Protein backbone atom coordinates (compact mmCIF):
# COMPACT_ATOMS: atom_id res chain seq x y z
CA UNK A 1 0.00 0.00 0.00
CA UNK A 2 1.25 3.46 -0.85
CA UNK A 3 1.84 5.89 2.00
CA UNK A 4 -1.06 8.33 2.33
CA UNK A 5 -2.58 10.78 4.78
CA UNK A 6 -6.36 10.91 4.92
CA UNK A 7 -7.67 14.24 6.22
CA UNK A 8 -11.24 14.96 7.30
CA UNK A 9 -12.45 18.53 7.83
CA UNK A 10 -15.56 19.12 9.94
CA UNK A 11 -17.92 22.14 10.01
CA UNK A 12 -16.96 22.86 13.64
CA UNK A 13 -13.32 23.40 12.56
CA UNK A 14 -12.09 20.04 13.80
CA UNK A 15 -9.55 18.25 11.62
CA UNK A 16 -8.89 14.52 11.71
CA UNK A 17 -5.83 13.04 10.04
CA UNK A 18 -5.05 9.35 9.60
CA UNK A 19 -1.85 7.94 8.17
CA UNK A 20 -2.14 4.91 5.92
CA UNK A 21 0.61 2.55 4.83
CA UNK A 22 3.19 3.86 7.31
CA UNK A 23 4.97 2.01 10.09
CA UNK A 24 6.75 3.10 13.23
CA UNK A 25 7.28 6.72 14.16
CA UNK A 26 6.98 7.93 10.58
CA UNK A 27 3.24 8.37 11.10
CA UNK A 28 3.73 10.69 14.09
CA UNK A 29 6.41 12.61 12.18
CA UNK A 30 3.91 13.25 9.37
CA UNK A 31 1.25 14.38 11.83
CA UNK A 32 3.75 16.76 13.48
CA UNK A 33 4.44 18.26 10.04
CA UNK A 34 0.70 18.73 9.50
CA UNK A 35 0.49 20.50 12.87
CA UNK A 36 3.10 22.99 11.68
CA UNK A 37 1.55 23.50 8.25
CA UNK A 38 -1.97 23.96 9.60
CA UNK A 39 -0.95 25.89 12.72
CA UNK A 40 -2.89 23.25 14.65
CA UNK A 41 -2.42 21.15 17.77
CA UNK A 42 -3.05 17.44 18.24
CA UNK A 43 -5.72 16.97 20.88
CA UNK A 44 -6.13 13.22 20.75
CA UNK A 45 -3.98 10.45 19.28
CA UNK A 46 -5.04 6.90 18.50
CA UNK A 47 -2.01 4.80 17.62
CA UNK A 48 -2.75 1.92 15.29
CA UNK A 49 -0.91 -1.43 15.45
CA UNK A 50 1.30 -0.29 12.55
CA UNK A 51 2.88 2.30 14.86
CA UNK A 52 4.39 -0.50 16.93
CA UNK A 53 5.84 -2.28 13.89
CA UNK A 54 9.41 -1.74 12.85
CA UNK A 55 9.61 0.12 9.58
CA UNK A 56 11.24 -1.89 6.82
CA UNK A 57 14.65 -0.55 5.98
CA UNK A 58 15.73 -0.95 2.41
CA UNK A 59 19.44 -0.95 1.80
CA UNK A 60 21.68 -1.58 -1.12
CA UNK A 61 24.96 -3.40 -0.99
CA UNK A 62 27.67 -0.93 -1.84
CA UNK A 63 30.33 -2.03 -4.23
CA UNK A 64 33.83 -0.96 -3.15
CA UNK A 65 35.51 1.67 -5.25
CA UNK A 66 38.60 0.59 -7.11
CA UNK A 67 40.89 2.61 -4.86
CA UNK A 68 39.35 0.96 -1.75
CA UNK A 69 40.23 -2.57 -2.81
PDB file of N, CA and C in Angstrom:
ATOM      1  N   UNK A   1       0.839  -1.175   0.000  1.00  0.00           N
ATOM      2  CA  UNK A   1       0.000   0.000   0.000  1.00  0.00           C
ATOM      3  C   UNK A   1       0.891   1.249   0.000  1.00  0.00           C
ATOM      4  N   UNK A   2       0.512   2.206  -0.795  1.00  0.00           N
ATOM      5  CA  UNK A   2       1.248   3.465  -0.850  1.00  0.00           C
ATOM      6  C   UNK A   2       1.009   4.254   0.434  1.00  0.00           C
ATOM      7  N   UNK A   3       1.978   5.050   0.809  1.00  0.00           N
ATOM      8  CA  UNK A   3       1.841   5.889   1.998  1.00  0.00           C
ATOM      9  C   UNK A   3       0.924   7.062   1.678  1.00  0.00           C
ATOM     10  N   UNK A   4      -0.078   7.260   2.539  1.00  0.00           N
ATOM     11  CA  UNK A   4      -1.056   8.330   2.334  1.00  0.00           C
ATOM     12  C   UNK A   4      -1.439   8.940   3.674  1.00  0.00           C
ATOM     13  N   UNK A   5      -1.987  10.145   3.611  1.00  0.00           N
ATOM     14  CA  UNK A   5      -2.581  10.780   4.777  1.00  0.00           C
ATOM     15  C   UNK A   5      -4.007  11.131   4.390  1.00  0.00           C
ATOM     16  N   UNK A   6      -4.953  10.631   5.166  1.00  0.00           N
ATOM     17  CA  UNK A   6      -6.363  10.914   4.922  1.00  0.00           C
ATOM     18  C   UNK A   6      -6.776  11.995   5.904  1.00  0.00           C
ATOM     19  N   UNK A   7      -7.297  13.098   5.382  1.00  0.00           N
ATOM     20  CA  UNK A   7      -7.667  14.241   6.219  1.00  0.00           C
ATOM     21  C   UNK A   7      -9.167  14.481   6.106  1.00  0.00           C
ATOM     22  N   UNK A   8      -9.809  14.650   7.254  1.00  0.00           N
ATOM     23  CA  UNK A   8     -11.242  14.957   7.300  1.00  0.00           C
ATOM     24  C   UNK A   8     -11.413  16.327   7.959  1.00  0.00           C
ATOM     25  N   UNK A   9     -12.164  17.197   7.302  1.00  0.00           N
ATOM     26  CA  UNK A   9     -12.452  18.534   7.830  1.00  0.00           C
ATOM     27  C   UNK A   9     -13.920  18.582   8.230  1.00  0.00           C
ATOM     28  N   UNK A  10     -14.200  19.078   9.432  1.00  0.00           N
ATOM     29  CA  UNK A  10     -15.560  19.121   9.941  1.00  0.00           C
ATOM     30  C   UNK A  10     -16.049  20.558  10.043  1.00  0.00           C
ATOM     31  N   UNK A  11     -17.365  20.776   9.951  1.00  0.00           N
ATOM     32  CA  UNK A  11     -17.920  22.141  10.011  1.00  0.00           C
ATOM     33  C   UNK A  11     -17.546  22.902  11.285  1.00  0.00           C
ATOM     34  N   UNK A  12     -17.302  22.186  12.383  1.00  0.00           N
ATOM     35  CA  UNK A  12     -16.956  22.858  13.643  1.00  0.00           C
ATOM     36  C   UNK A  12     -15.480  23.258  13.702  1.00  0.00           C
ATOM     37  N   UNK A  13     -14.732  23.022  12.608  1.00  0.00           N
ATOM     38  CA  UNK A  13     -13.317  23.397  12.556  1.00  0.00           C
ATOM     39  C   UNK A  13     -12.370  22.284  12.947  1.00  0.00           C
ATOM     40  N   UNK A  14     -12.917  21.185  13.401  1.00  0.00           N
ATOM     41  CA  UNK A  14     -12.091  20.036  13.804  1.00  0.00           C
ATOM     42  C   UNK A  14     -11.490  19.386  12.564  1.00  0.00           C
ATOM     43  N   UNK A  15     -10.265  18.929  12.700  1.00  0.00           N
ATOM     44  CA  UNK A  15      -9.553  18.250  11.623  1.00  0.00           C
ATOM     45  C   UNK A  15      -9.107  16.894  12.140  1.00  0.00           C
ATOM     46  N   UNK A  16      -9.389  15.848  11.381  1.00  0.00           N
ATOM     47  CA  UNK A  16      -8.890  14.517  11.713  1.00  0.00           C
ATOM     48  C   UNK A  16      -7.939  14.088  10.611  1.00  0.00           C
ATOM     49  N   UNK A  17      -6.816  13.531  11.010  1.00  0.00           N
ATOM     50  CA  UNK A  17      -5.833  13.037  10.043  1.00  0.00           C
ATOM     51  C   UNK A  17      -5.478  11.603  10.406  1.00  0.00           C
ATOM     52  N   UNK A  18      -5.409  10.760   9.398  1.00  0.00           N
ATOM     53  CA  UNK A  18      -5.051   9.353   9.603  1.00  0.00           C
ATOM     54  C   UNK A  18      -3.975   8.985   8.591  1.00  0.00           C
ATOM     55  N   UNK A  19      -2.906   8.393   9.074  1.00  0.00           N
ATOM     56  CA  UNK A  19      -1.853   7.941   8.171  1.00  0.00           C
ATOM     57  C   UNK A  19      -2.160   6.512   7.735  1.00  0.00           C
ATOM     58  N   UNK A  20      -1.886   6.230   6.489  1.00  0.00           N
ATOM     59  CA  UNK A  20      -2.142   4.911   5.923  1.00  0.00           C
ATOM     60  C   UNK A  20      -0.879   4.409   5.251  1.00  0.00           C
ATOM     61  N   UNK A  21      -0.544   3.158   5.472  1.00  0.00           N
ATOM     62  CA  UNK A  21       0.611   2.551   4.826  1.00  0.00           C
ATOM     63  C   UNK A  21       1.948   2.933   5.431  1.00  0.00           C
ATOM     64  N   UNK A  22       1.948   3.461   6.647  1.00  0.00           N
ATOM     65  CA  UNK A  22       3.193   3.860   7.309  1.00  0.00           C
ATOM     66  C   UNK A  22       3.394   3.018   8.561  1.00  0.00           C
ATOM     67  N   UNK A  23       4.646   2.779   8.898  1.00  0.00           N
ATOM     68  CA  UNK A  23       4.973   2.007  10.089  1.00  0.00           C
ATOM     69  C   UNK A  23       5.874   2.821  11.000  1.00  0.00           C
ATOM     70  N   UNK A  24       5.847   2.468  12.268  1.00  0.00           N
ATOM     71  CA  UNK A  24       6.746   3.099  13.226  1.00  0.00           C
ATOM     72  C   UNK A  24       6.434   4.572  13.429  1.00  0.00           C
ATOM     73  N   UNK A  25       7.448   5.311  13.815  1.00  0.00           N
ATOM     74  CA  UNK A  25       7.280   6.718  14.161  1.00  0.00           C
ATOM     75  C   UNK A  25       7.064   7.630  12.964  1.00  0.00           C
ATOM     76  N   UNK A  26       7.175   7.094  11.766  1.00  0.00           N
ATOM     77  CA  UNK A  26       6.977   7.932  10.583  1.00  0.00           C
ATOM     78  C   UNK A  26       5.595   8.575  10.599  1.00  0.00           C
ATOM     79  N   UNK A  27       4.593   7.826  11.076  1.00  0.00           N
ATOM     80  CA  UNK A  27       3.237   8.373  11.098  1.00  0.00           C
ATOM     81  C   UNK A  27       3.145   9.590  12.014  1.00  0.00           C
ATOM     82  N   UNK A  28       3.777   9.541  13.176  1.00  0.00           N
ATOM     83  CA  UNK A  28       3.726  10.691  14.086  1.00  0.00           C
ATOM     84  C   UNK A  28       4.565  11.855  13.556  1.00  0.00           C
ATOM     85  N   UNK A  29       5.618  11.548  12.807  1.00  0.00           N
ATOM     86  CA  UNK A  29       6.410  12.609  12.177  1.00  0.00           C
ATOM     87  C   UNK A  29       5.568  13.362  11.148  1.00  0.00           C
ATOM     88  N   UNK A  30       4.771  12.633  10.391  1.00  0.00           N
ATOM     89  CA  UNK A  30       3.912  13.247   9.370  1.00  0.00           C
ATOM     90  C   UNK A  30       2.842  14.107  10.042  1.00  0.00           C
ATOM     91  N   UNK A  31       2.269  13.604  11.118  1.00  0.00           N
ATOM     92  CA  UNK A  31       1.246  14.379  11.829  1.00  0.00           C
ATOM     93  C   UNK A  31       1.855  15.650  12.431  1.00  0.00           C
ATOM     94  N   UNK A  32       3.068  15.570  12.939  1.00  0.00           N
ATOM     95  CA  UNK A  32       3.746  16.760  13.476  1.00  0.00           C
ATOM     96  C   UNK A  32       3.953  17.798  12.369  1.00  0.00           C
ATOM     97  N   UNK A  33       4.283  17.337  11.176  1.00  0.00           N
ATOM     98  CA  UNK A  33       4.436  18.258  10.045  1.00  0.00           C
ATOM     99  C   UNK A  33       3.097  18.920   9.717  1.00  0.00           C
ATOM    100  N   UNK A  34       2.032  18.148   9.744  1.00  0.00           N
ATOM    101  CA  UNK A  34       0.705  18.728   9.503  1.00  0.00           C
ATOM    102  C   UNK A  34       0.358  19.774  10.555  1.00  0.00           C
ATOM    103  N   UNK A  35       0.725  19.515  11.802  1.00  0.00           N
ATOM    104  CA  UNK A  35       0.492  20.502  12.865  1.00  0.00           C
ATOM    105  C   UNK A  35       1.146  21.833  12.517  1.00  0.00           C
ATOM    106  N   UNK A  36       2.378  21.766  12.041  1.00  0.00           N
ATOM    107  CA  UNK A  36       3.104  22.994  11.680  1.00  0.00           C
ATOM    108  C   UNK A  36       2.454  23.680  10.491  1.00  0.00           C
ATOM    109  N   UNK A  37       2.128  22.906   9.460  1.00  0.00           N
ATOM    110  CA  UNK A  37       1.555  23.495   8.250  1.00  0.00           C
ATOM    111  C   UNK A  37       0.184  24.118   8.490  1.00  0.00           C
ATOM    112  N   UNK A  38      -0.609  23.495   9.356  1.00  0.00           N
ATOM    113  CA  UNK A  38      -1.965  23.956   9.600  1.00  0.00           C
ATOM    114  C   UNK A  38      -2.078  24.869  10.822  1.00  0.00           C
ATOM    115  N   UNK A  39      -0.939  25.111  11.480  1.00  0.00           N
ATOM    116  CA  UNK A  39      -0.950  25.886  12.720  1.00  0.00           C
ATOM    117  C   UNK A  39      -2.002  25.302  13.670  1.00  0.00           C
ATOM    118  N   UNK A  40      -1.918  23.992  13.848  1.00  0.00           N
ATOM    119  CA  UNK A  40      -2.893  23.252  14.649  1.00  0.00           C
ATOM    120  C   UNK A  40      -2.183  22.522  15.775  1.00  0.00           C
ATOM    121  N   UNK A  41      -2.969  21.900  16.646  1.00  0.00           N
ATOM    122  CA  UNK A  41      -2.420  21.149  17.767  1.00  0.00           C
ATOM    123  C   UNK A  41      -3.177  19.828  17.895  1.00  0.00           C
ATOM    124  N   UNK A  42      -2.429  18.744  18.042  1.00  0.00           N
ATOM    125  CA  UNK A  42      -3.052  17.436  18.235  1.00  0.00           C
ATOM    126  C   UNK A  42      -3.708  17.417  19.607  1.00  0.00           C
ATOM    127  N   UNK A  43      -4.983  17.039  19.634  1.00  0.00           N
ATOM    128  CA  UNK A  43      -5.723  16.972  20.883  1.00  0.00           C
ATOM    129  C   UNK A  43      -5.824  15.529  21.350  1.00  0.00           C
ATOM    130  N   UNK A  44      -5.975  14.623  20.414  1.00  0.00           N
ATOM    131  CA  UNK A  44      -6.133  13.217  20.751  1.00  0.00           C
ATOM    132  C   UNK A  44      -5.398  12.382  19.713  1.00  0.00           C
ATOM    133  N   UNK A  45      -4.710  11.341  20.173  1.00  0.00           N
ATOM    134  CA  UNK A  45      -3.976  10.449  19.277  1.00  0.00           C
ATOM    135  C   UNK A  45      -4.429   9.019  19.517  1.00  0.00           C
ATOM    136  N   UNK A  46      -4.729   8.329  18.448  1.00  0.00           N
ATOM    137  CA  UNK A  46      -5.036   6.896  18.496  1.00  0.00           C
ATOM    138  C   UNK A  46      -3.974   6.189  17.669  1.00  0.00           C
ATOM    139  N   UNK A  47      -3.071   5.501  18.332  1.00  0.00           N
ATOM    140  CA  UNK A  47      -2.006   4.798  17.624  1.00  0.00           C
ATOM    141  C   UNK A  47      -2.523   3.445  17.149  1.00  0.00           C
ATOM    142  N   UNK A  48      -2.328   3.183  15.872  1.00  0.00           N
ATOM    143  CA  UNK A  48      -2.747   1.918  15.293  1.00  0.00           C
ATOM    144  C   UNK A  48      -1.637   0.885  15.487  1.00  0.00           C
ATOM    145  N   UNK A  49      -1.928  -0.389  15.288  1.00  0.00           N
ATOM    146  CA  UNK A  49      -0.909  -1.433  15.449  1.00  0.00           C
ATOM    147  C   UNK A  49       0.334  -1.188  14.589  1.00  0.00           C
ATOM    148  N   UNK A  50       0.170  -0.550  13.435  1.00  0.00           N
ATOM    149  CA  UNK A  50       1.298  -0.287  12.547  1.00  0.00           C
ATOM    150  C   UNK A  50       2.354   0.589  13.219  1.00  0.00           C
ATOM    151  N   UNK A  51       1.934   1.429  14.164  1.00  0.00           N
ATOM    152  CA  UNK A  51       2.881   2.303  14.858  1.00  0.00           C
ATOM    153  C   UNK A  51       3.928   1.474  15.607  1.00  0.00           C
ATOM    154  N   UNK A  52       3.508   0.337  16.120  1.00  0.00           N
ATOM    155  CA  UNK A  52       4.393  -0.501  16.925  1.00  0.00           C
ATOM    156  C   UNK A  52       5.232  -1.462  16.087  1.00  0.00           C
ATOM    157  N   UNK A  53       5.034  -1.444  14.772  1.00  0.00           N
ATOM    158  CA  UNK A  53       5.838  -2.279  13.890  1.00  0.00           C
ATOM    159  C   UNK A  53       7.134  -1.560  13.555  1.00  0.00           C
ATOM    160  N   UNK A  54       8.138  -2.318  13.261  1.00  0.00           N
ATOM    161  CA  UNK A  54       9.414  -1.740  12.848  1.00  0.00           C
ATOM    162  C   UNK A  54       9.335  -1.466  11.357  1.00  0.00           C
ATOM    163  N   UNK A  55       9.640  -0.243  10.992  1.00  0.00           N
ATOM    164  CA  UNK A  55       9.608   0.125   9.578  1.00  0.00           C
ATOM    165  C   UNK A  55      10.671  -0.658   8.823  1.00  0.00           C
ATOM    166  N   UNK A  56      10.304  -1.126   7.656  1.00  0.00           N
ATOM    167  CA  UNK A  56      11.238  -1.887   6.821  1.00  0.00           C
ATOM    168  C   UNK A  56      12.315  -0.961   6.290  1.00  0.00           C
ATOM    169  N   UNK A  57      13.530  -1.352   6.457  1.00  0.00           N
ATOM    170  CA  UNK A  57      14.647  -0.550   5.980  1.00  0.00           C
ATOM    171  C   UNK A  57      15.183  -1.201   4.721  1.00  0.00           C
ATOM    172  N   UNK A  58      15.208  -0.429   3.655  1.00  0.00           N
ATOM    173  CA  UNK A  58      15.734  -0.948   2.406  1.00  0.00           C
ATOM    174  C   UNK A  58      17.160  -0.447   2.251  1.00  0.00           C
ATOM    175  N   UNK A  59      18.052  -1.359   1.976  1.00  0.00           N
ATOM    176  CA  UNK A  59      19.436  -0.948   1.800  1.00  0.00           C
ATOM    177  C   UNK A  59      20.005  -1.628   0.567  1.00  0.00           C
ATOM    178  N   UNK A  60      20.993  -1.023   0.038  1.00  0.00           N
ATOM    179  CA  UNK A  60      21.678  -1.578  -1.121  1.00  0.00           C
ATOM    180  C   UNK A  60      23.086  -1.947  -0.702  1.00  0.00           C
ATOM    181  N   UNK A  61      23.586  -3.015  -1.254  1.00  0.00           N
ATOM    182  CA  UNK A  61      24.962  -3.399  -0.990  1.00  0.00           C
ATOM    183  C   UNK A  61      25.852  -2.500  -1.823  1.00  0.00           C
ATOM    184  N   UNK A  62      26.777  -1.857  -1.153  1.00  0.00           N
ATOM    185  CA  UNK A  62      27.666  -0.926  -1.838  1.00  0.00           C
ATOM    186  C   UNK A  62      28.865  -1.669  -2.375  1.00  0.00           C
ATOM    187  N   UNK A  63      29.156  -1.433  -3.600  1.00  0.00           N
ATOM    188  CA  UNK A  63      30.330  -2.026  -4.231  1.00  0.00           C
ATOM    189  C   UNK A  63      31.540  -1.169  -3.869  1.00  0.00           C
ATOM    190  N   UNK A  64      32.648  -1.769  -3.484  1.00  0.00           N
ATOM    191  CA  UNK A  64      33.835  -0.962  -3.150  1.00  0.00           C
ATOM    192  C   UNK A  64      34.373  -0.256  -4.382  1.00  0.00           C
ATOM    193  N   UNK A  65      34.875   0.935  -4.154  1.00  0.00           N
ATOM    194  CA  UNK A  65      35.510   1.669  -5.246  1.00  0.00           C
ATOM    195  C   UNK A  65      36.855   1.036  -5.525  1.00  0.00           C
ATOM    196  N   UNK A  66      37.332   1.223  -6.724  1.00  0.00           N
ATOM    197  CA  UNK A  66      38.600   0.587  -7.112  1.00  0.00           C
ATOM    198  C   UNK A  66      39.737   0.962  -6.170  1.00  0.00           C
ATOM    199  N   UNK A  67      39.796   2.199  -5.719  1.00  0.00           N
ATOM    200  CA  UNK A  67      40.893   2.612  -4.859  1.00  0.00           C
ATOM    201  C   UNK A  67      40.742   2.101  -3.441  1.00  0.00           C
ATOM    202  N   UNK A  68      39.544   1.531  -3.075  1.00  0.00           N
ATOM    203  CA  UNK A  68      39.346   0.959  -1.750  1.00  0.00           C
ATOM    204  C   UNK A  68      39.759  -0.501  -1.673  1.00  0.00           C
ATOM    205  N   UNK A  69      39.935  -1.142  -2.800  1.00  0.00           N
ATOM    206  CA  UNK A  69      40.226  -2.575  -2.814  1.00  0.00           C
ATOM    207  C   UNK A  69      41.615  -2.886  -2.305  1.00  0.00           C
TER     208      UNK A  69
END
